[in-house]
Structures are given as C-alpha cells and as structure tokens.
Amino acid sequence: MPYINIKITRDGATAEQKAALIKGTTQLLVEVLGKNPATTIVVIDEVETDNWGIGGESVTKRRRRGQ
C-alpha cells in the first residue's frame, strides 16, 4: 500500500490542481512500480509560508523581496 505525501505552500493551489496531483502521482506509481491504484494513498499537506524556510529565511520573507 503506497503512501505519497506531497507538501506545498498554502497559497492558492486550487481543488482542481490538487485533484490532478492526486491522480497524476497515483498513475505514476502504477506505471513505474506496478502499484494498485485502489490501495495507493496520496496526502497533500499545505504549509503556511511563514512555516516553510529556504536558505535560512521564510518563504513569506523571500516572496516579499520578489524571490
């Protein structure tokens, strides 16, 4: 039973985009590893940008600077 955990920042991924991620990652495991899609679990965690750091600073701060 494969378990896929996708972590993204919480800043505007639509329900349709998340559904596409779930469908696409499930299909990838079917094609590459021969896994059963009925037992493949996909979880999307959305993290606030204040709680996601890159290079020693939060994504919120980086985005304010345009990075």
C-alpha atoms as a PDB file:
ATOM      1  CA  MET A   1       0.000   0.000   0.000  1.00  0.00           C
ATOM      2  CA  PRO A   2       1.978   3.028  -1.226  1.00  0.00           C
ATOM      3  CA  TYR A   3       1.709   6.276   0.698  1.00  0.00           C
ATOM      4  CA  ILE A   4       2.578   9.513  -1.115  1.00  0.00           C
ATOM      5  CA  ASN A   5       2.941  12.747   0.863  1.00  0.00           C
ATOM      6  CA  ILE A   6       3.028  15.985  -1.127  1.00  0.00           C
ATOM      7  CA  LYS A   7       3.928  19.166   0.739  1.00  0.00           C
ATOM      8  CA  ILE A   8       3.163  22.532  -0.835  1.00  0.00           C
ATOM      9  CA  THR A   9       2.857  26.062   0.474  1.00  0.00           C
ATOM     10  CA  ARG A  10      -0.678  27.176   1.231  1.00  0.00           C
ATOM     11  CA  ASP A  11      -1.007  29.931  -1.306  1.00  0.00           C
ATOM     12  CA  GLY A  12      -3.542  29.189  -3.930  1.00  0.00           C
ATOM     13  CA  ALA A  13      -3.454  25.635  -5.261  1.00  0.00           C
ATOM     14  CA  THR A  14      -6.976  25.048  -6.500  1.00  0.00           C
ATOM     15  CA  ALA A  15      -9.072  21.970  -5.781  1.00  0.00           C
ATOM     16  CA  GLU A  16      -8.655  21.042  -9.443  1.00  0.00           C
ATOM     17  CA  GLN A  17      -4.867  21.298  -9.249  1.00  0.00           C
ATOM     18  CA  LYS A  18      -4.775  19.164  -6.118  1.00  0.00           C
ATOM     19  CA  ALA A  19      -7.030  16.582  -7.762  1.00  0.00           C
ATOM     20  CA  ALA A  20      -4.602  16.498 -10.716  1.00  0.00           C
ATOM     21  CA  LEU A  21      -1.687  15.919  -8.317  1.00  0.00           C
ATOM     22  CA  ILE A  22      -3.520  13.035  -6.659  1.00  0.00           C
ATOM     23  CA  LYS A  23      -4.450  11.453  -9.977  1.00  0.00           C
ATOM     24  CA  GLY A  24      -1.032  12.015 -11.546  1.00  0.00           C
ATOM     25  CA  THR A  25       1.068  10.695  -8.668  1.00  0.00           C
ATOM     26  CA  THR A  26      -1.174   7.656  -8.341  1.00  0.00           C
ATOM     27  CA  GLN A  27      -0.815   6.948 -12.057  1.00  0.00           C
ATOM     28  CA  LEU A  28       2.966   7.394 -11.837  1.00  0.00           C
ATOM     29  CA  LEU A  29       3.204   4.657  -9.208  1.00  0.00           C
ATOM     30  CA  VAL A  30       1.013   2.419 -11.357  1.00  0.00           C
ATOM     31  CA  GLU A  31       3.209   2.946 -14.431  1.00  0.00           C
ATOM     32  CA  VAL A  32       6.646   2.880 -12.793  1.00  0.00           C
ATOM     33  CA  LEU A  33       6.197   0.419  -9.940  1.00  0.00           C
ATOM     34  CA  GLY A  34       3.106  -1.520 -10.977  1.00  0.00           C
ATOM     35  CA  LYS A  35       1.226  -0.478  -7.837  1.00  0.00           C
ATOM     36  CA  ASN A  36      -2.510  -0.933  -7.393  1.00  0.00           C
ATOM     37  CA  PRO A  37      -4.253   2.467  -7.597  1.00  0.00           C
ATOM     38  CA  ALA A  38      -7.031   1.236  -5.308  1.00  0.00           C
ATOM     39  CA  THR A  39      -4.573   0.923  -2.428  1.00  0.00           C
ATOM     40  CA  THR A  40      -2.411   3.978  -3.193  1.00  0.00           C
ATOM     41  CA  ILE A  41      -2.827   6.790  -0.667  1.00  0.00           C
ATOM     42  CA  VAL A  42      -1.996  10.409  -1.521  1.00  0.00           C
ATOM     43  CA  VAL A  43      -1.964  13.135   1.132  1.00  0.00           C
ATOM     44  CA  ILE A  44      -1.394  16.802   0.336  1.00  0.00           C
ATOM     45  CA  ASP A  45      -0.139  18.916   3.236  1.00  0.00           C
ATOM     46  CA  GLU A  46      -0.429  22.663   2.770  1.00  0.00           C
ATOM     47  CA  VAL A  47       2.089  24.594   4.862  1.00  0.00           C
ATOM     48  CA  GLU A  48       1.845  28.283   5.682  1.00  0.00           C
ATOM     49  CA  THR A  49       4.667  30.236   4.038  1.00  0.00           C
ATOM     50  CA  ASP A  50       5.761  31.504   7.475  1.00  0.00           C
ATOM     51  CA  ASN A  51       6.452  27.865   8.385  1.00  0.00           C
ATOM     52  CA  TRP A  52       8.455  26.968   5.254  1.00  0.00           C
ATOM     53  CA  GLY A  53      12.087  28.035   5.187  1.00  0.00           C
ATOM     54  CA  ILE A  54      14.639  28.188   2.400  1.00  0.00           C
ATOM     55  CA  GLY A  55      18.197  29.371   2.864  1.00  0.00           C
ATOM     56  CA  GLY A  56      17.627  30.433   6.456  1.00  0.00           C
ATOM     57  CA  GLU A  57      14.504  32.518   5.929  1.00  0.00           C
ATOM     58  CA  SER A  58      10.784  32.002   5.481  1.00  0.00           C
ATOM     59  CA  VAL A  59       9.113  31.779   2.101  1.00  0.00           C
ATOM     60  CA  THR A  60       6.941  34.725   3.175  1.00  0.00           C
ATOM     61  CA  LYS A  61      10.015  36.939   3.557  1.00  0.00           C
ATOM     62  CA  ARG A  62      11.574  35.721   0.300  1.00  0.00           C
ATOM     63  CA  ARG A  63       8.383  36.397  -1.640  1.00  0.00           C
ATOM     64  CA  ARG A  64       8.148  39.901  -0.239  1.00  0.00           C
ATOM     65  CA  ARG A  65      11.567  40.526  -1.788  1.00  0.00           C
ATOM     66  CA  GLY A  66      10.443  39.007  -5.084  1.00  0.00           C
ATOM     67  CA  GLN A  67      12.402  35.747  -4.895  1.00  0.00           C
END
